[in-house]
């Protein structure tokens, strides 16, 4: 696009977008501060969580851990419990490790310095360094990718092209505000489906405006279907819970669980339980697999524990909800316990 290399046209493009952002920017709590910690927490949350959902998790996390020092001191299990429900728990574990590094060595102010911290990638480093410290580093997230692909009619924009183009468009006078303006445009106007091009402040610059949904081509993410079995063991004071392992759920707790349709027998043998009754099924999606979990329940001779005292994954919260519904239905016939009844 010729205007991209014309300094005066580029200046008009920047003015139009920033003026629109000034009128239309959402009032979000992380936009009311220049505290790099608060900005970092918000950006980590927003990597995999929509703004509307992130608001509650952000408020809860900041209240529990208002700064790097308090987060660094907290046990990992407490961090995961506060994060519970936001998903993608590796983000919380990385943020916890990052806080420990920062508490010891201080927070870098540069893009390159931030990149060396645990769990910080190019997007987060650019966002924090530009918004908190005014460094001219352009962000590239899903919204920016879509805006740039449509703006320059690129069906399959490559990562290198995206970085170079975002950096060329960046407003050097206020890079943090510029980055937020581009992302806000993608979130509010240049949406994945049915974009409102008539409201776009830079539509006259856009090469893809006649057929915006053709840009960019959708990225295919195949999810492998996987069957699994979960066992709800009810004791006198709660449920039997196990500490999870693996990259996705490490550090969280949940119900005895195994992948594979024939996993029930192995779970029963593990706990010496002769049989279990079916409760129903639960569906849960991870990035690369779609789980269908057959849930069974049985009585347990031990005490069990209150699940509210442990950080549970979203998957295990679904299983817990199913178990509690079943207990509510049968309350008059088999009694309840601990956190679920009298």
C-alpha atoms as a PDB file:
ATOM      1  CA  UNK A   1       0.000   0.000   0.000  1.00  0.00           C
ATOM      2  CA  UNK A   2       1.570   3.312  -1.081  1.00  0.00           C
ATOM      3  CA  UNK A   3       0.228   5.263   1.916  1.00  0.00           C
ATOM      4  CA  UNK A   4       2.194   3.009   4.271  1.00  0.00           C
ATOM      5  CA  UNK A   5       5.405   4.571   2.930  1.00  0.00           C
ATOM      6  CA  UNK A   6       4.068   8.137   2.753  1.00  0.00           C
ATOM      7  CA  UNK A   7       4.866   9.970   5.981  1.00  0.00           C
ATOM      8  CA  UNK A   8       1.968  12.408   5.639  1.00  0.00           C
ATOM      9  CA  UNK A   9      -0.569   9.678   4.883  1.00  0.00           C
ATOM     10  CA  UNK A  10       0.787   7.601   7.741  1.00  0.00           C
ATOM     11  CA  UNK A  11       0.406  10.583  10.067  1.00  0.00           C
ATOM     12  CA  UNK A  12      -3.244  10.988   8.979  1.00  0.00           C
ATOM     13  CA  UNK A  13      -3.842   7.291   9.614  1.00  0.00           C
ATOM     14  CA  UNK A  14      -2.403   7.564  13.122  1.00  0.00           C
ATOM     15  CA  UNK A  15      -4.389  10.702  13.967  1.00  0.00           C
ATOM     16  CA  UNK A  16      -7.644   9.141  12.799  1.00  0.00           C
ATOM     17  CA  UNK A  17      -7.182   5.983  14.847  1.00  0.00           C
ATOM     18  CA  UNK A  18      -6.015   7.762  17.998  1.00  0.00           C
ATOM     19  CA  UNK A  19      -8.890  10.244  17.804  1.00  0.00           C
ATOM     20  CA  UNK A  20     -11.349   7.345  17.520  1.00  0.00           C
ATOM     21  CA  UNK A  21      -9.710   5.621  20.477  1.00  0.00           C
ATOM     22  CA  UNK A  22     -10.001   8.773  22.550  1.00  0.00           C
ATOM     23  CA  UNK A  23     -13.753   8.793  21.967  1.00  0.00           C
ATOM     24  CA  UNK A  24     -14.458   5.079  22.191  1.00  0.00           C
ATOM     25  CA  UNK A  25     -11.920   3.425  24.496  1.00  0.00           C
ATOM     26  CA  UNK A  26     -13.525   1.259  27.154  1.00  0.00           C
ATOM     27  CA  UNK A  27     -12.967   2.308  30.747  1.00  0.00           C
ATOM     28  CA  UNK A  28     -10.957  -0.665  32.020  1.00  0.00           C
ATOM     29  CA  UNK A  29      -9.193  -0.764  35.407  1.00  0.00           C
ATOM     30  CA  UNK A  30      -5.763  -1.536  33.951  1.00  0.00           C
ATOM     31  CA  UNK A  31      -6.047   1.557  31.748  1.00  0.00           C
ATOM     32  CA  UNK A  32      -6.377   3.772  34.820  1.00  0.00           C
ATOM     33  CA  UNK A  33      -2.885   3.019  36.072  1.00  0.00           C
ATOM     34  CA  UNK A  34       0.738   3.146  35.003  1.00  0.00           C
ATOM     35  CA  UNK A  35       1.721   0.497  37.583  1.00  0.00           C
ATOM     36  CA  UNK A  36       3.712  -2.076  35.586  1.00  0.00           C
ATOM     37  CA  UNK A  37       2.598  -4.881  37.917  1.00  0.00           C
ATOM     38  CA  UNK A  38      -1.109  -4.198  37.341  1.00  0.00           C
ATOM     39  CA  UNK A  39      -0.526  -3.849  33.605  1.00  0.00           C
ATOM     40  CA  UNK A  40       1.423  -7.109  33.520  1.00  0.00           C
ATOM     41  CA  UNK A  41      -1.302  -9.012  35.384  1.00  0.00           C
ATOM     42  CA  UNK A  42      -3.931  -7.694  32.966  1.00  0.00           C
ATOM     43  CA  UNK A  43      -1.881  -8.594  29.897  1.00  0.00           C
ATOM     44  CA  UNK A  44      -1.200 -12.108  31.151  1.00  0.00           C
ATOM     45  CA  UNK A  45      -4.909 -12.597  31.782  1.00  0.00           C
ATOM     46  CA  UNK A  46      -5.897 -11.182  28.406  1.00  0.00           C
ATOM     47  CA  UNK A  47      -3.656 -13.619  26.526  1.00  0.00           C
ATOM     48  CA  UNK A  48      -6.349 -16.316  26.733  1.00  0.00           C
ATOM     49  CA  UNK A  49      -9.346 -14.611  28.354  1.00  0.00           C
ATOM     50  CA  UNK A  50     -11.914 -12.206  26.922  1.00  0.00           C
ATOM     51  CA  UNK A  51     -12.042  -8.730  28.451  1.00  0.00           C
ATOM     52  CA  UNK A  52     -15.509  -9.242  29.940  1.00  0.00           C
ATOM     53  CA  UNK A  53     -14.363 -12.391  31.755  1.00  0.00           C
ATOM     54  CA  UNK A  54     -10.963 -10.996  32.707  1.00  0.00           C
ATOM     55  CA  UNK A  55     -12.435  -8.083  34.690  1.00  0.00           C
ATOM     56  CA  UNK A  56     -13.546 -10.242  37.614  1.00  0.00           C
ATOM     57  CA  UNK A  57     -10.410 -12.371  37.682  1.00  0.00           C
ATOM     58  CA  UNK A  58      -8.224  -9.269  37.500  1.00  0.00           C
ATOM     59  CA  UNK A  59      -9.965  -7.610  40.452  1.00  0.00           C
ATOM     60  CA  UNK A  60      -9.751 -10.779  42.536  1.00  0.00           C
ATOM     61  CA  UNK A  61      -6.069 -11.352  41.746  1.00  0.00           C
ATOM     62  CA  UNK A  62      -5.026  -7.751  42.417  1.00  0.00           C
ATOM     63  CA  UNK A  63      -6.926  -7.742  45.711  1.00  0.00           C
ATOM     64  CA  UNK A  64      -5.195 -10.946  46.847  1.00  0.00           C
ATOM     65  CA  UNK A  65      -1.743 -10.015  45.515  1.00  0.00           C
ATOM     66  CA  UNK A  66      -1.461  -6.225  45.048  1.00  0.00           C
ATOM     67  CA  UNK A  67       2.203  -6.180  44.052  1.00  0.00           C
ATOM     68  CA  UNK A  68       5.178  -8.300  43.043  1.00  0.00           C
ATOM     69  CA  UNK A  69       6.310  -8.751  46.653  1.00  0.00           C
ATOM     70  CA  UNK A  70       3.007 -10.178  47.904  1.00  0.00           C
ATOM     71  CA  UNK A  71       2.740 -12.488  44.913  1.00  0.00           C
ATOM     72  CA  UNK A  72       6.333 -13.688  45.346  1.00  0.00           C
ATOM     73  CA  UNK A  73       5.694 -14.578  49.018  1.00  0.00           C
ATOM     74  CA  UNK A  74       2.509 -16.544  48.359  1.00  0.00           C
ATOM     75  CA  UNK A  75       2.533 -20.354  48.132  1.00  0.00           C
ATOM     76  CA  UNK A  76       1.863 -21.586  44.603  1.00  0.00           C
ATOM     77  CA  UNK A  77      -1.318 -23.335  45.718  1.00  0.00           C
ATOM     78  CA  UNK A  78      -2.762 -20.039  46.980  1.00  0.00           C
ATOM     79  CA  UNK A  79      -1.922 -18.385  43.660  1.00  0.00           C
ATOM     80  CA  UNK A  80      -3.651 -21.148  41.715  1.00  0.00           C
ATOM     81  CA  UNK A  81      -6.707 -20.995  43.959  1.00  0.00           C
ATOM     82  CA  UNK A  82      -7.123 -17.260  43.330  1.00  0.00           C
ATOM     83  CA  UNK A  83      -6.582 -17.847  39.604  1.00  0.00           C
ATOM     84  CA  UNK A  84      -9.148 -20.671  39.584  1.00  0.00           C
ATOM     85  CA  UNK A  85     -11.637 -20.431  36.749  1.00  0.00           C
ATOM     86  CA  UNK A  86      -9.473 -18.270  34.499  1.00  0.00           C
ATOM     87  CA  UNK A  87      -7.965 -21.387  32.915  1.00  0.00           C
ATOM     88  CA  UNK A  88      -4.587 -21.889  31.248  1.00  0.00           C
ATOM     89  CA  UNK A  89      -2.977 -22.221  34.666  1.00  0.00           C
ATOM     90  CA  UNK A  90       0.530 -22.164  33.281  1.00  0.00           C
ATOM     91  CA  UNK A  91       0.028 -18.387  33.088  1.00  0.00           C
ATOM     92  CA  UNK A  92      -0.457 -18.195  36.857  1.00  0.00           C
ATOM     93  CA  UNK A  93       2.553 -20.406  37.581  1.00  0.00           C
ATOM     94  CA  UNK A  94       4.750 -18.333  35.268  1.00  0.00           C
ATOM     95  CA  UNK A  95       3.494 -15.101  36.815  1.00  0.00           C
ATOM     96  CA  UNK A  96       4.319 -16.462  40.261  1.00  0.00           C
ATOM     97  CA  UNK A  97       7.871 -17.405  39.207  1.00  0.00           C
ATOM     98  CA  UNK A  98       8.275 -14.036  37.518  1.00  0.00           C
ATOM     99  CA  UNK A  99       7.287 -12.232  40.733  1.00  0.00           C
ATOM    100  CA  UNK A 100       9.932 -14.179  42.640  1.00  0.00           C
ATOM    101  CA  UNK A 101      12.589 -13.142  40.126  1.00  0.00           C
ATOM    102  CA  UNK A 102      11.456  -9.504  40.213  1.00  0.00           C
ATOM    103  CA  UNK A 103      11.348  -9.471  44.017  1.00  0.00           C
ATOM    104  CA  UNK A 104      15.006 -10.476  44.001  1.00  0.00           C
ATOM    105  CA  UNK A 105      16.398  -8.602  40.991  1.00  0.00           C
ATOM    106  CA  UNK A 106      13.895  -5.864  40.162  1.00  0.00           C
ATOM    107  CA  UNK A 107      11.685  -5.350  37.110  1.00  0.00           C
ATOM    108  CA  UNK A 108      13.366  -4.583  33.773  1.00  0.00           C
ATOM    109  CA  UNK A 109      11.950  -1.553  31.967  1.00  0.00           C
ATOM    110  CA  UNK A 110      12.938  -2.564  28.435  1.00  0.00           C
ATOM    111  CA  UNK A 111      11.373  -4.933  25.927  1.00  0.00           C
ATOM    112  CA  UNK A 112      14.520  -7.072  25.788  1.00  0.00           C
ATOM    113  CA  UNK A 113      14.810  -7.179  29.566  1.00  0.00           C
ATOM    114  CA  UNK A 114      11.187  -8.217  30.022  1.00  0.00           C
ATOM    115  CA  UNK A 115      11.622 -10.997  27.468  1.00  0.00           C
ATOM    116  CA  UNK A 116      14.129 -12.658  29.787  1.00  0.00           C
ATOM    117  CA  UNK A 117      11.555 -13.091  32.556  1.00  0.00           C
ATOM    118  CA  UNK A 118       9.724 -16.424  33.043  1.00  0.00           C
ATOM    119  CA  UNK A 119       6.667 -16.802  30.824  1.00  0.00           C
ATOM    120  CA  UNK A 120       7.069 -13.456  29.024  1.00  0.00           C
ATOM    121  CA  UNK A 121       6.842 -13.620  25.247  1.00  0.00           C
ATOM    122  CA  UNK A 122       7.071 -10.916  22.575  1.00  0.00           C
ATOM    123  CA  UNK A 123       3.446  -9.795  22.949  1.00  0.00           C
ATOM    124  CA  UNK A 124       3.532  -9.321  26.730  1.00  0.00           C
ATOM    125  CA  UNK A 125       6.986  -7.719  26.663  1.00  0.00           C
ATOM    126  CA  UNK A 126       5.837  -5.220  24.031  1.00  0.00           C
ATOM    127  CA  UNK A 127       2.589  -4.454  25.841  1.00  0.00           C
ATOM    128  CA  UNK A 128       4.172  -3.842  29.251  1.00  0.00           C
ATOM    129  CA  UNK A 129       7.225  -1.959  27.972  1.00  0.00           C
ATOM    130  CA  UNK A 130       5.117   0.329  25.768  1.00  0.00           C
ATOM    131  CA  UNK A 131       2.188   0.968  28.130  1.00  0.00           C
ATOM    132  CA  UNK A 132       4.111   1.187  31.400  1.00  0.00           C
ATOM    133  CA  UNK A 133       7.428   2.623  30.175  1.00  0.00           C
ATOM    134  CA  UNK A 134       6.705   4.256  26.801  1.00  0.00           C
ATOM    135  CA  UNK A 135       9.074   2.051  24.824  1.00  0.00           C
ATOM    136  CA  UNK A 136       8.291   2.044  21.060  1.00  0.00           C
ATOM    137  CA  UNK A 137       7.571  -1.685  20.825  1.00  0.00           C
ATOM    138  CA  UNK A 138       4.575  -2.771  18.751  1.00  0.00           C
ATOM    139  CA  UNK A 139       2.287  -5.536  19.990  1.00  0.00           C
ATOM    140  CA  UNK A 140       0.951  -8.313  17.799  1.00  0.00           C
ATOM    141  CA  UNK A 141      -1.971 -10.311  19.160  1.00  0.00           C
ATOM    142  CA  UNK A 142      -5.014 -11.831  17.470  1.00  0.00           C
ATOM    143  CA  UNK A 143      -6.768  -8.473  17.152  1.00  0.00           C
ATOM    144  CA  UNK A 144      -3.712  -6.772  15.657  1.00  0.00           C
ATOM    145  CA  UNK A 145      -3.165  -9.673  13.249  1.00  0.00           C
ATOM    146  CA  UNK A 146      -6.728  -9.354  11.977  1.00  0.00           C
ATOM    147  CA  UNK A 147      -6.598  -5.557  11.654  1.00  0.00           C
ATOM    148  CA  UNK A 148      -3.328  -5.610   9.728  1.00  0.00           C
ATOM    149  CA  UNK A 149      -4.386  -8.495   7.487  1.00  0.00           C
ATOM    150  CA  UNK A 150      -7.529  -6.648   6.451  1.00  0.00           C
ATOM    151  CA  UNK A 151      -5.887  -3.268   6.246  1.00  0.00           C
ATOM    152  CA  UNK A 152      -3.341  -4.582   3.734  1.00  0.00           C
ATOM    153  CA  UNK A 153      -5.410  -7.445   2.242  1.00  0.00           C
ATOM    154  CA  UNK A 154      -3.145 -10.263   3.432  1.00  0.00           C
ATOM    155  CA  UNK A 155      -4.892 -13.634   3.515  1.00  0.00           C
ATOM    156  CA  UNK A 156      -2.055 -15.427   5.300  1.00  0.00           C
ATOM    157  CA  UNK A 157       0.126 -12.874   7.117  1.00  0.00           C
ATOM    158  CA  UNK A 158       3.411 -14.330   8.318  1.00  0.00           C
ATOM    159  CA  UNK A 159       4.775 -13.551  11.800  1.00  0.00           C
ATOM    160  CA  UNK A 160       7.751 -11.598  10.460  1.00  0.00           C
ATOM    161  CA  UNK A 161       5.560  -9.477   8.212  1.00  0.00           C
ATOM    162  CA  UNK A 162       3.176  -8.790  11.087  1.00  0.00           C
ATOM    163  CA  UNK A 163       5.979  -7.633  13.386  1.00  0.00           C
ATOM    164  CA  UNK A 164       7.526  -5.380  10.733  1.00  0.00           C
ATOM    165  CA  UNK A 165       4.185  -3.864   9.693  1.00  0.00           C
ATOM    166  CA  UNK A 166       3.010  -3.277  13.256  1.00  0.00           C
ATOM    167  CA  UNK A 167       6.306  -1.570  14.050  1.00  0.00           C
ATOM    168  CA  UNK A 168       6.062   0.644  10.955  1.00  0.00           C
ATOM    169  CA  UNK A 169       2.547   1.773  11.895  1.00  0.00           C
ATOM    170  CA  UNK A 170       3.427   2.387  15.550  1.00  0.00           C
ATOM    171  CA  UNK A 171       3.020   5.950  16.767  1.00  0.00           C
ATOM    172  CA  UNK A 172       6.371   6.829  18.376  1.00  0.00           C
ATOM    173  CA  UNK A 173       4.901   9.714  20.391  1.00  0.00           C
ATOM    174  CA  UNK A 174       2.665   7.459  22.521  1.00  0.00           C
ATOM    175  CA  UNK A 175       3.348   3.793  21.731  1.00  0.00           C
ATOM    176  CA  UNK A 176       1.361   2.425  24.658  1.00  0.00           C
ATOM    177  CA  UNK A 177      -1.795   4.292  23.703  1.00  0.00           C
ATOM    178  CA  UNK A 178      -1.272   3.362  20.055  1.00  0.00           C
ATOM    179  CA  UNK A 179      -0.981  -0.353  20.833  1.00  0.00           C
ATOM    180  CA  UNK A 180      -4.178  -0.207  22.863  1.00  0.00           C
ATOM    181  CA  UNK A 181      -5.944   1.682  20.062  1.00  0.00           C
ATOM    182  CA  UNK A 182      -5.131  -0.974  17.451  1.00  0.00           C
ATOM    183  CA  UNK A 183      -6.229  -3.781  19.774  1.00  0.00           C
ATOM    184  CA  UNK A 184      -9.409  -1.884  20.669  1.00  0.00           C
ATOM    185  CA  UNK A 185     -10.221  -1.428  16.990  1.00  0.00           C
ATOM    186  CA  UNK A 186      -9.944  -5.191  16.495  1.00  0.00           C
ATOM    187  CA  UNK A 187     -12.047  -5.885  19.549  1.00  0.00           C
ATOM    188  CA  UNK A 188     -14.876  -3.391  18.927  1.00  0.00           C
ATOM    189  CA  UNK A 189     -15.024  -2.758  15.159  1.00  0.00           C
ATOM    190  CA  UNK A 190     -12.778  -5.036  13.116  1.00  0.00           C
ATOM    191  CA  UNK A 191     -14.266  -8.158  14.688  1.00  0.00           C
ATOM    192  CA  UNK A 192     -13.743 -11.702  13.363  1.00  0.00           C
ATOM    193  CA  UNK A 193     -17.338 -11.959  12.105  1.00  0.00           C
ATOM    194  CA  UNK A 194     -19.563  -9.180  10.771  1.00  0.00           C
ATOM    195  CA  UNK A 195     -17.086  -6.320  11.221  1.00  0.00           C
ATOM    196  CA  UNK A 196     -18.725  -2.882  11.319  1.00  0.00           C
ATOM    197  CA  UNK A 197     -16.662  -1.248   8.600  1.00  0.00           C
ATOM    198  CA  UNK A 198     -19.015   1.732   8.479  1.00  0.00           C
ATOM    199  CA  UNK A 199     -17.810   2.696  11.961  1.00  0.00           C
ATOM    200  CA  UNK A 200     -14.129   2.197  11.224  1.00  0.00           C
ATOM    201  CA  UNK A 201     -12.078   5.399  11.536  1.00  0.00           C
ATOM    202  CA  UNK A 202      -9.466   4.149   9.053  1.00  0.00           C
ATOM    203  CA  UNK A 203     -11.755   2.452   6.502  1.00  0.00           C
ATOM    204  CA  UNK A 204     -10.500   4.747   3.729  1.00  0.00           C
ATOM    205  CA  UNK A 205      -7.019   3.247   4.188  1.00  0.00           C
ATOM    206  CA  UNK A 206      -8.222  -0.372   4.186  1.00  0.00           C
ATOM    207  CA  UNK A 207      -7.517  -2.568   1.156  1.00  0.00           C
ATOM    208  CA  UNK A 208      -9.773  -5.341   2.455  1.00  0.00           C
ATOM    209  CA  UNK A 209     -12.857  -3.303   3.274  1.00  0.00           C
ATOM    210  CA  UNK A 210     -14.932  -4.709   0.367  1.00  0.00           C
ATOM    211  CA  UNK A 211     -14.549  -8.290   1.627  1.00  0.00           C
ATOM    212  CA  UNK A 212     -13.138  -8.071   5.153  1.00  0.00           C
ATOM    213  CA  UNK A 213     -14.038 -11.569   6.291  1.00  0.00           C
ATOM    214  CA  UNK A 214     -11.715 -13.021   3.648  1.00  0.00           C
ATOM    215  CA  UNK A 215      -8.765 -11.671   5.633  1.00  0.00           C
ATOM    216  CA  UNK A 216      -7.049 -13.380   7.271  1.00  0.00           C
ATOM    217  CA  UNK A 217      -7.785 -16.994   6.472  1.00  0.00           C
ATOM    218  CA  UNK A 218      -8.839 -18.907   9.590  1.00  0.00           C
ATOM    219  CA  UNK A 219      -6.115 -20.817  11.386  1.00  0.00           C
ATOM    220  CA  UNK A 220      -6.994 -24.480  11.724  1.00  0.00           C
ATOM    221  CA  UNK A 221      -6.597 -26.001  15.164  1.00  0.00           C
ATOM    222  CA  UNK A 222      -7.596 -29.630  15.132  1.00  0.00           C
ATOM    223  CA  UNK A 223      -8.870 -30.942  18.449  1.00  0.00           C
ATOM    224  CA  UNK A 224      -8.388 -34.654  19.011  1.00  0.00           C
ATOM    225  CA  UNK A 225     -11.410 -36.341  20.635  1.00  0.00           C
ATOM    226  CA  UNK A 226     -10.408 -38.165  23.821  1.00  0.00           C
ATOM    227  CA  UNK A 227     -12.511 -40.308  26.148  1.00  0.00           C
ATOM    228  CA  UNK A 228     -11.801 -40.320  29.875  1.00  0.00           C
ATOM    229  CA  UNK A 229     -13.202 -41.474  33.197  1.00  0.00           C
ATOM    230  CA  UNK A 230     -13.465 -39.600  36.506  1.00  0.00           C
ATOM    231  CA  UNK A 231     -14.336 -41.105  39.876  1.00  0.00           C
ATOM    232  CA  UNK A 232     -16.138 -39.101  42.562  1.00  0.00           C
ATOM    233  CA  UNK A 233     -15.433 -40.721  45.935  1.00  0.00           C
ATOM    234  CA  UNK A 234     -17.608 -39.318  48.739  1.00  0.00           C
ATOM    235  CA  UNK A 235     -16.241 -39.539  52.260  1.00  0.00           C
ATOM    236  CA  UNK A 236     -17.658 -38.374  55.567  1.00  0.00           C
ATOM    237  CA  UNK A 237     -16.222 -34.844  55.232  1.00  0.00           C
ATOM    238  CA  UNK A 238     -15.874 -34.307  51.509  1.00  0.00           C
ATOM    239  CA  UNK A 239     -14.351 -35.810  48.388  1.00  0.00           C
ATOM    240  CA  UNK A 240     -11.178 -37.657  47.543  1.00  0.00           C
ATOM    241  CA  UNK A 241      -8.954 -35.258  45.574  1.00  0.00           C
ATOM    242  CA  UNK A 242      -5.613 -35.841  43.850  1.00  0.00           C
ATOM    243  CA  UNK A 243      -2.877 -33.399  42.967  1.00  0.00           C
ATOM    244  CA  UNK A 244      -2.701 -32.982  39.204  1.00  0.00           C
ATOM    245  CA  UNK A 245       0.469 -33.213  37.139  1.00  0.00           C
ATOM    246  CA  UNK A 246       1.310 -32.454  33.509  1.00  0.00           C
ATOM    247  CA  UNK A 247       1.876 -29.100  31.845  1.00  0.00           C
ATOM    248  CA  UNK A 248      -1.730 -27.948  31.670  1.00  0.00           C
ATOM    249  CA  UNK A 249      -2.962 -28.694  35.203  1.00  0.00           C
ATOM    250  CA  UNK A 250       0.203 -29.068  37.273  1.00  0.00           C
ATOM    251  CA  UNK A 251      -0.254 -27.818  40.829  1.00  0.00           C
ATOM    252  CA  UNK A 252      -4.063 -28.038  40.718  1.00  0.00           C
ATOM    253  CA  UNK A 253      -6.250 -30.608  42.432  1.00  0.00           C
ATOM    254  CA  UNK A 254      -9.110 -32.718  41.147  1.00  0.00           C
ATOM    255  CA  UNK A 255     -10.998 -35.973  41.190  1.00  0.00           C
ATOM    256  CA  UNK A 256      -9.298 -39.286  40.367  1.00  0.00           C
ATOM    257  CA  UNK A 257      -9.157 -39.265  36.607  1.00  0.00           C
ATOM    258  CA  UNK A 258      -7.705 -41.293  33.757  1.00  0.00           C
ATOM    259  CA  UNK A 259      -7.912 -41.056  29.983  1.00  0.00           C
ATOM    260  CA  UNK A 260      -9.308 -44.019  28.046  1.00  0.00           C
ATOM    261  CA  UNK A 261     -12.770 -45.572  27.957  1.00  0.00           C
ATOM    262  CA  UNK A 262     -11.670 -48.532  30.109  1.00  0.00           C
ATOM    263  CA  UNK A 263     -10.158 -46.451  32.904  1.00  0.00           C
ATOM    264  CA  UNK A 264     -12.859 -47.061  35.512  1.00  0.00           C
ATOM    265  CA  UNK A 265     -11.450 -50.407  36.658  1.00  0.00           C
ATOM    266  CA  UNK A 266      -7.997 -48.919  37.247  1.00  0.00           C
ATOM    267  CA  UNK A 267      -9.501 -46.131  39.365  1.00  0.00           C
ATOM    268  CA  UNK A 268     -11.588 -48.576  41.406  1.00  0.00           C
ATOM    269  CA  UNK A 269      -8.560 -50.788  41.989  1.00  0.00           C
ATOM    270  CA  UNK A 270      -6.454 -47.783  43.000  1.00  0.00           C
ATOM    271  CA  UNK A 271      -8.804 -46.992  45.872  1.00  0.00           C
ATOM    272  CA  UNK A 272     -10.041 -50.488  46.675  1.00  0.00           C
ATOM    273  CA  UNK A 273     -13.624 -49.663  45.733  1.00  0.00           C
ATOM    274  CA  UNK A 274     -15.660 -52.605  44.387  1.00  0.00           C
ATOM    275  CA  UNK A 275     -18.071 -50.672  42.165  1.00  0.00           C
ATOM    276  CA  UNK A 276     -19.326 -47.240  41.237  1.00  0.00           C
ATOM    277  CA  UNK A 277     -22.519 -45.764  39.830  1.00  0.00           C
ATOM    278  CA  UNK A 278     -22.624 -43.552  36.717  1.00  0.00           C
ATOM    279  CA  UNK A 279     -23.401 -39.878  37.291  1.00  0.00           C
ATOM    280  CA  UNK A 280     -23.302 -38.607  33.716  1.00  0.00           C
ATOM    281  CA  UNK A 281     -20.777 -37.090  31.328  1.00  0.00           C
ATOM    282  CA  UNK A 282     -18.806 -33.852  31.195  1.00  0.00           C
ATOM    283  CA  UNK A 283     -17.313 -32.187  28.112  1.00  0.00           C
ATOM    284  CA  UNK A 284     -14.151 -30.108  28.325  1.00  0.00           C
ATOM    285  CA  UNK A 285     -11.899 -28.664  25.635  1.00  0.00           C
ATOM    286  CA  UNK A 286      -8.168 -28.159  25.833  1.00  0.00           C
ATOM    287  CA  UNK A 287      -6.170 -26.512  23.046  1.00  0.00           C
ATOM    288  CA  UNK A 288      -5.481 -29.724  21.160  1.00  0.00           C
ATOM    289  CA  UNK A 289      -8.057 -32.176  22.496  1.00  0.00           C
ATOM    290  CA  UNK A 290     -11.749 -32.408  23.281  1.00  0.00           C
ATOM    291  CA  UNK A 291     -12.442 -34.513  26.352  1.00  0.00           C
ATOM    292  CA  UNK A 292     -15.622 -36.490  26.986  1.00  0.00           C
ATOM    293  CA  UNK A 293     -15.477 -37.663  30.601  1.00  0.00           C
ATOM    294  CA  UNK A 294     -17.710 -40.384  31.974  1.00  0.00           C
ATOM    295  CA  UNK A 295     -18.200 -39.568  35.662  1.00  0.00           C
ATOM    296  CA  UNK A 296     -18.880 -42.254  38.281  1.00  0.00           C
ATOM    297  CA  UNK A 297     -19.409 -42.024  42.024  1.00  0.00           C
ATOM    298  CA  UNK A 298     -18.941 -44.287  45.001  1.00  0.00           C
ATOM    299  CA  UNK A 299     -18.862 -44.050  48.784  1.00  0.00           C
ATOM    300  CA  UNK A 300     -15.469 -43.785  50.483  1.00  0.00           C
ATOM    301  CA  UNK A 301     -14.669 -45.024  53.962  1.00  0.00           C
ATOM    302  CA  UNK A 302     -12.276 -42.174  54.636  1.00  0.00           C
ATOM    303  CA  UNK A 303     -12.995 -38.539  55.431  1.00  0.00           C
ATOM    304  CA  UNK A 304     -12.284 -36.846  52.109  1.00  0.00           C
ATOM    305  CA  UNK A 305     -11.835 -33.068  52.026  1.00  0.00           C
ATOM    306  CA  UNK A 306     -13.633 -29.840  51.238  1.00  0.00           C
ATOM    307  CA  UNK A 307     -12.883 -28.976  47.566  1.00  0.00           C
ATOM    308  CA  UNK A 308     -13.204 -25.249  48.252  1.00  0.00           C
ATOM    309  CA  UNK A 309      -9.886 -25.469  50.118  1.00  0.00           C
ATOM    310  CA  UNK A 310      -8.034 -26.582  47.002  1.00  0.00           C
ATOM    311  CA  UNK A 311      -7.392 -24.909  43.641  1.00  0.00           C
ATOM    312  CA  UNK A 312      -9.560 -26.860  41.194  1.00  0.00           C
ATOM    313  CA  UNK A 313      -9.312 -26.716  37.423  1.00  0.00           C
ATOM    314  CA  UNK A 314     -12.337 -25.731  35.336  1.00  0.00           C
ATOM    315  CA  UNK A 315     -12.631 -29.381  34.324  1.00  0.00           C
ATOM    316  CA  UNK A 316     -12.889 -30.510  37.955  1.00  0.00           C
ATOM    317  CA  UNK A 317     -15.335 -27.725  38.757  1.00  0.00           C
ATOM    318  CA  UNK A 318     -17.626 -29.201  36.089  1.00  0.00           C
ATOM    319  CA  UNK A 319     -17.289 -32.651  37.670  1.00  0.00           C
ATOM    320  CA  UNK A 320     -17.976 -31.177  41.115  1.00  0.00           C
ATOM    321  CA  UNK A 321     -21.089 -29.408  39.826  1.00  0.00           C
ATOM    322  CA  UNK A 322     -22.365 -32.684  38.337  1.00  0.00           C
ATOM    323  CA  UNK A 323     -21.728 -34.499  41.640  1.00  0.00           C
ATOM    324  CA  UNK A 324     -23.500 -31.825  43.664  1.00  0.00           C
ATOM    325  CA  UNK A 325     -26.528 -31.906  41.385  1.00  0.00           C
ATOM    326  CA  UNK A 326     -26.748 -35.668  41.852  1.00  0.00           C
ATOM    327  CA  UNK A 327     -26.455 -35.325  45.627  1.00  0.00           C
ATOM    328  CA  UNK A 328     -29.183 -32.693  45.618  1.00  0.00           C
ATOM    329  CA  UNK A 329     -31.485 -35.012  43.697  1.00  0.00           C
ATOM    330  CA  UNK A 330     -30.878 -37.920  46.070  1.00  0.00           C
ATOM    331  CA  UNK A 331     -30.597 -35.920  49.304  1.00  0.00           C
ATOM    332  CA  UNK A 332     -33.561 -37.549  50.951  1.00  0.00           C
ATOM    333  CA  UNK A 333     -32.379 -41.069  50.167  1.00  0.00           C
ATOM    334  CA  UNK A 334     -28.671 -41.248  50.971  1.00  0.00           C
ATOM    335  CA  UNK A 335     -27.619 -38.293  53.087  1.00  0.00           C
ATOM    336  CA  UNK A 336     -25.011 -35.655  52.411  1.00  0.00           C
ATOM    337  CA  UNK A 337     -21.959 -34.322  54.143  1.00  0.00           C
ATOM    338  CA  UNK A 338     -19.560 -31.497  54.748  1.00  0.00           C
ATOM    339  CA  UNK A 339     -19.698 -28.616  52.259  1.00  0.00           C
ATOM    340  CA  UNK A 340     -22.597 -30.126  50.295  1.00  0.00           C
ATOM    341  CA  UNK A 341     -25.208 -30.514  52.989  1.00  0.00           C
ATOM    342  CA  UNK A 342     -26.021 -30.994  56.639  1.00  0.00           C
END
